N, C-alpha and C. Protein backbone atom coordinates (compact mmCIF):
# COMPACT_ATOMS: atom_id res chain seq x y z
N MET A 1 95.60 92.01 118.72
CA MET A 1 96.74 91.96 119.43
C MET A 1 97.02 90.53 119.56
N ALA A 2 98.22 90.16 118.70
CA ALA A 2 98.61 88.71 118.52
C ALA A 2 99.57 88.55 119.52
N ASP A 3 100.18 89.52 120.11
CA ASP A 3 101.36 89.14 121.34
C ASP A 3 100.63 89.18 122.48
N GLN A 4 99.26 89.17 123.06
CA GLN A 4 98.69 89.33 124.34
C GLN A 4 98.56 87.87 124.81
N PRO A 5 98.46 86.66 124.10
CA PRO A 5 98.70 85.74 124.99
C PRO A 5 100.80 84.92 125.07
N GLU A 6 101.07 85.64 124.28
CA GLU A 6 102.58 85.47 124.97
C GLU A 6 102.95 86.40 125.97
N ALA A 7 102.29 87.64 125.72
CA ALA A 7 102.68 88.55 127.30
C ALA A 7 102.03 87.73 128.31
N GLU A 8 100.85 87.13 128.35
CA GLU A 8 100.18 86.11 129.46
C GLU A 8 100.61 85.33 129.73
N ASP A 9 101.44 84.44 128.82
CA ASP A 9 102.41 83.32 129.46
C ASP A 9 103.61 83.78 129.88
N ALA A 10 104.06 85.07 129.42
CA ALA A 10 105.39 85.65 130.06
C ALA A 10 104.82 86.23 131.81
N ARG A 11 103.77 86.55 131.88
CA ARG A 11 103.04 86.66 133.07
C ARG A 11 103.14 85.14 133.80
N ARG A 12 102.45 84.48 133.43
CA ARG A 12 102.33 83.38 134.17
C ARG A 12 103.61 83.04 134.25
N GLN A 13 104.81 82.49 133.55
CA GLN A 13 105.76 82.03 133.75
C GLN A 13 106.37 82.68 135.06
N LYS A 14 106.51 83.83 134.97
CA LYS A 14 107.00 84.80 136.23
C LYS A 14 106.59 84.31 137.68
N ILE A 15 104.96 84.50 137.66
CA ILE A 15 104.68 83.52 138.93
C ILE A 15 105.05 82.10 138.69
N LEU A 16 105.21 81.27 138.17
CA LEU A 16 105.72 79.92 138.49
C LEU A 16 107.07 80.34 139.30
N GLU A 17 108.04 81.30 138.79
CA GLU A 17 109.63 81.51 139.10
C GLU A 17 109.56 82.15 140.21
N ALA A 18 108.41 82.89 140.26
CA ALA A 18 108.32 83.64 142.18
C ALA A 18 107.98 82.44 142.84
N LEU A 19 106.73 81.59 142.68
CA LEU A 19 106.51 80.51 143.52
C LEU A 19 107.66 79.60 143.90
N ALA A 20 108.49 79.09 142.56
CA ALA A 20 109.84 78.84 143.00
C ALA A 20 110.56 79.07 143.52
N ALA A 21 111.04 80.19 143.64
CA ALA A 21 111.89 81.25 144.47
C ALA A 21 111.54 81.22 146.19
N GLY A 22 110.66 81.09 146.60
CA GLY A 22 109.87 81.21 147.61
C GLY A 22 109.35 82.59 147.74
N ARG A 23 109.36 83.41 146.58
CA ARG A 23 108.46 84.81 146.45
C ARG A 23 107.03 84.85 146.55
N LYS A 24 106.52 84.26 147.46
CA LYS A 24 104.93 84.27 147.14
C LYS A 24 104.22 85.79 147.38
N ILE A 25 104.70 86.68 147.82
CA ILE A 25 103.78 87.93 147.68
C ILE A 25 104.19 88.47 146.35
N GLU A 26 105.48 88.03 145.42
CA GLU A 26 105.60 88.56 144.49
C GLU A 26 104.32 88.07 143.42
N ALA A 27 104.31 86.79 143.73
CA ALA A 27 103.36 85.94 143.31
C ALA A 27 101.90 86.60 142.93
N ILE A 28 101.79 87.03 144.02
CA ILE A 28 100.24 86.93 144.68
C ILE A 28 100.43 88.81 143.41
N LYS A 29 101.21 89.49 143.61
CA LYS A 29 101.31 91.04 142.66
C LYS A 29 100.93 90.35 141.56
N LEU A 30 101.91 89.87 140.65
CA LEU A 30 101.44 89.35 139.85
C LEU A 30 100.57 89.08 139.12
N TYR A 31 99.97 87.98 139.69
CA TYR A 31 98.71 87.43 139.29
C TYR A 31 97.44 88.39 139.51
N ARG A 32 97.50 89.42 140.82
CA ARG A 32 96.43 90.67 140.65
C ARG A 32 96.67 91.48 139.08
N GLU A 33 98.02 91.94 138.50
CA GLU A 33 98.62 92.74 137.59
C GLU A 33 97.53 91.58 136.44
N MET A 34 98.03 90.65 136.10
CA MET A 34 97.32 89.41 135.27
C MET A 34 96.12 89.33 135.12
N THR A 35 95.15 89.51 136.13
CA THR A 35 93.66 88.83 136.05
C THR A 35 93.06 90.43 136.62
N GLY A 36 93.12 90.95 137.44
CA GLY A 36 92.55 92.21 137.76
C GLY A 36 91.69 92.16 138.95
N LEU A 37 92.15 90.87 139.72
CA LEU A 37 91.46 90.44 141.02
C LEU A 37 91.80 91.09 142.21
N GLY A 38 90.82 90.83 143.28
CA GLY A 38 91.32 91.72 144.43
C GLY A 38 92.08 90.43 144.95
N LEU A 39 92.78 91.39 146.38
CA LEU A 39 94.10 90.99 146.99
C LEU A 39 93.65 89.25 147.39
N LYS A 40 92.31 89.17 147.93
CA LYS A 40 91.88 88.13 148.61
C LYS A 40 91.70 86.90 147.68
N GLU A 41 91.13 87.21 146.46
CA GLU A 41 90.60 86.16 145.23
C GLU A 41 92.22 85.68 144.88
N SER A 42 92.81 86.43 144.72
CA SER A 42 94.49 86.51 143.85
C SER A 42 95.63 85.42 144.82
N LYS A 43 95.41 85.57 146.33
CA LYS A 43 96.26 85.03 147.53
C LYS A 43 95.61 83.78 147.21
N ASP A 44 93.95 83.16 147.17
CA ASP A 44 93.47 82.05 147.14
C ASP A 44 94.30 81.42 145.79
N ALA A 45 93.62 81.98 144.81
CA ALA A 45 94.70 81.63 143.42
C ALA A 45 95.84 80.57 143.74
N VAL A 46 96.79 81.66 144.03
CA VAL A 46 98.15 81.32 144.44
C VAL A 46 98.44 80.91 145.16
N ASP A 47 97.56 80.30 146.62
CA ASP A 47 97.83 79.34 147.00
C ASP A 47 97.67 77.90 146.65
N LYS A 48 96.15 78.15 145.89
CA LYS A 48 96.14 76.45 145.30
C LYS A 48 96.75 76.27 143.85
N LEU A 49 97.62 77.46 143.22
CA LEU A 49 98.52 76.84 142.41
C LEU A 49 99.59 76.25 143.36
N GLU A 50 99.97 76.94 144.69
CA GLU A 50 101.38 76.67 145.02
C GLU A 50 100.92 74.79 145.30
N ALA A 51 99.82 74.67 146.06
CA ALA A 51 99.60 72.94 146.42
C ALA A 51 99.74 72.47 145.38
N GLU A 52 98.94 72.84 144.21
CA GLU A 52 98.95 72.23 142.96
C GLU A 52 100.35 71.96 142.77
N LEU A 53 101.31 72.78 142.22
CA LEU A 53 102.43 72.51 142.09
C LEU A 53 103.41 71.73 142.95
N ALA A 54 103.36 72.12 144.49
CA ALA A 54 104.12 70.90 145.20
C ALA A 54 103.12 69.69 145.42
N GLU A 55 102.58 69.26 144.87
CA GLU A 55 101.83 67.89 144.94
C GLU A 55 102.82 67.40 143.12
N LYS A 56 102.63 68.29 142.41
CA LYS A 56 103.50 67.61 141.24
C LYS A 56 105.03 67.40 141.32
N ASN A 57 105.24 68.82 141.98
CA ASN A 57 107.13 68.43 142.45
C ASN A 57 107.46 68.70 143.47
N PRO A 58 107.31 68.02 144.86
CA PRO A 58 107.73 68.82 146.17
C PRO A 58 109.33 68.95 146.08
N ASN A 59 110.31 68.58 145.04
CA ASN A 59 111.32 69.25 146.03
C ASN A 59 111.73 70.54 145.69
N GLU A 60 110.79 70.94 144.07
CA GLU A 60 110.91 72.31 143.53
C GLU A 60 110.16 73.38 144.39
N PHE A 61 108.86 72.87 144.55
CA PHE A 61 107.87 73.86 145.27
C PHE A 61 107.29 73.45 147.04
N ARG A 62 108.52 73.25 147.80
CA ARG A 62 108.02 72.68 149.11
C ARG A 62 108.37 74.23 150.27
N LYS A 63 107.65 73.69 150.86
CA LYS A 63 107.80 74.82 152.18
C LYS A 63 108.85 74.98 152.78
N PRO A 64 109.44 76.29 152.44
CA PRO A 64 110.90 76.14 153.36
C PRO A 64 110.55 76.49 154.82
N LYS A 65 111.20 75.53 155.84
CA LYS A 65 111.32 74.98 156.91
C LYS A 65 112.36 76.11 157.72
N ALA A 66 111.60 76.79 158.81
CA ALA A 66 112.80 77.48 159.82
C ALA A 66 114.23 76.67 160.07
N GLY A 67 115.23 77.62 159.81
CA GLY A 67 116.42 76.50 159.85
C GLY A 67 116.87 77.33 161.92
N CYS A 68 118.22 76.77 161.65
CA CYS A 68 118.68 77.41 162.79
C CYS A 68 119.10 78.68 163.02
N ALA A 69 119.56 78.75 162.28
CA ALA A 69 119.92 80.62 162.04
C ALA A 69 118.35 81.36 162.07
N THR A 70 117.21 81.29 161.70
CA THR A 70 115.93 81.86 161.76
C THR A 70 115.54 81.29 163.05
N VAL A 71 115.63 80.48 164.07
CA VAL A 71 115.48 80.69 165.52
C VAL A 71 116.57 81.02 166.40
N LEU A 72 117.45 81.05 166.17
CA LEU A 72 118.52 82.08 166.22
C LEU A 72 118.03 83.40 166.44
N LEU A 73 117.93 83.71 165.39
CA LEU A 73 117.47 85.28 165.66
C LEU A 73 116.43 85.85 166.44
N LEU A 74 115.30 84.63 166.40
CA LEU A 74 114.13 85.05 166.69
C LEU A 74 114.53 84.90 168.59
N VAL A 75 115.43 83.49 168.98
CA VAL A 75 115.89 84.01 170.60
C VAL A 75 116.04 85.19 170.57
N LEU A 76 117.55 85.73 170.21
CA LEU A 76 118.34 86.75 170.28
C LEU A 76 117.11 88.25 170.09
N PHE A 77 115.98 88.18 169.35
CA PHE A 77 115.29 89.68 169.44
C PHE A 77 114.23 89.01 170.78
N ALA A 78 114.38 88.24 171.37
CA ALA A 78 112.99 88.23 172.28
C ALA A 78 113.90 88.47 173.43
N CYS A 79 115.16 87.87 173.34
CA CYS A 79 116.30 88.48 174.29
C CYS A 79 116.21 90.28 174.50
N LEU A 80 116.56 90.76 173.45
CA LEU A 80 117.08 91.90 173.35
C LEU A 80 115.58 92.77 173.90
N ALA A 81 114.52 92.28 173.55
CA ALA A 81 113.01 92.82 173.97
C ALA A 81 112.88 92.52 175.46
N GLY A 82 113.32 92.11 175.82
CA GLY A 82 113.47 91.57 177.54
C GLY A 82 114.37 92.55 178.49
N VAL A 83 115.62 92.74 177.46
CA VAL A 83 116.50 93.51 178.67
C VAL A 83 115.95 95.16 178.29
N LEU A 84 115.76 95.18 177.06
CA LEU A 84 114.63 96.63 176.51
C LEU A 84 113.63 96.81 177.68
N ALA A 85 112.88 95.97 177.59
CA ALA A 85 111.62 95.97 178.24
C ALA A 85 112.04 95.92 180.16
N HIS A 86 112.70 95.54 180.63
CA HIS A 86 113.58 95.58 181.53
C HIS A 86 114.27 97.00 182.35
N ALA A 87 115.00 97.55 180.87
CA ALA A 87 115.77 98.67 181.31
C ALA A 87 114.60 100.14 181.37
N THR A 88 114.00 99.81 180.32
CA THR A 88 113.12 101.22 180.49
C THR A 88 111.61 101.01 181.64
N GLY A 89 111.40 99.82 182.26
CA GLY A 89 110.39 99.52 182.94
C GLY A 89 110.57 99.60 184.36
């Protein structure tokens, strides 16, 4: 199976691309498929990989921060939940 290392390299690259794009769940799924490990072990490994990548290249692998739009949506949902609770209660 000469192409097995190439396929594994391609999977690793997909994991890195998913992490760089902020798609951590996808990266964990890919890691599980590649290694056959369980969910917790895969999550722990991807967390460790993400931390190492963030240390080496903080601009590419930084944690996203909640922006104004996210905060606004959370406030709107909280208000809507309050209105619905008041209307039904």
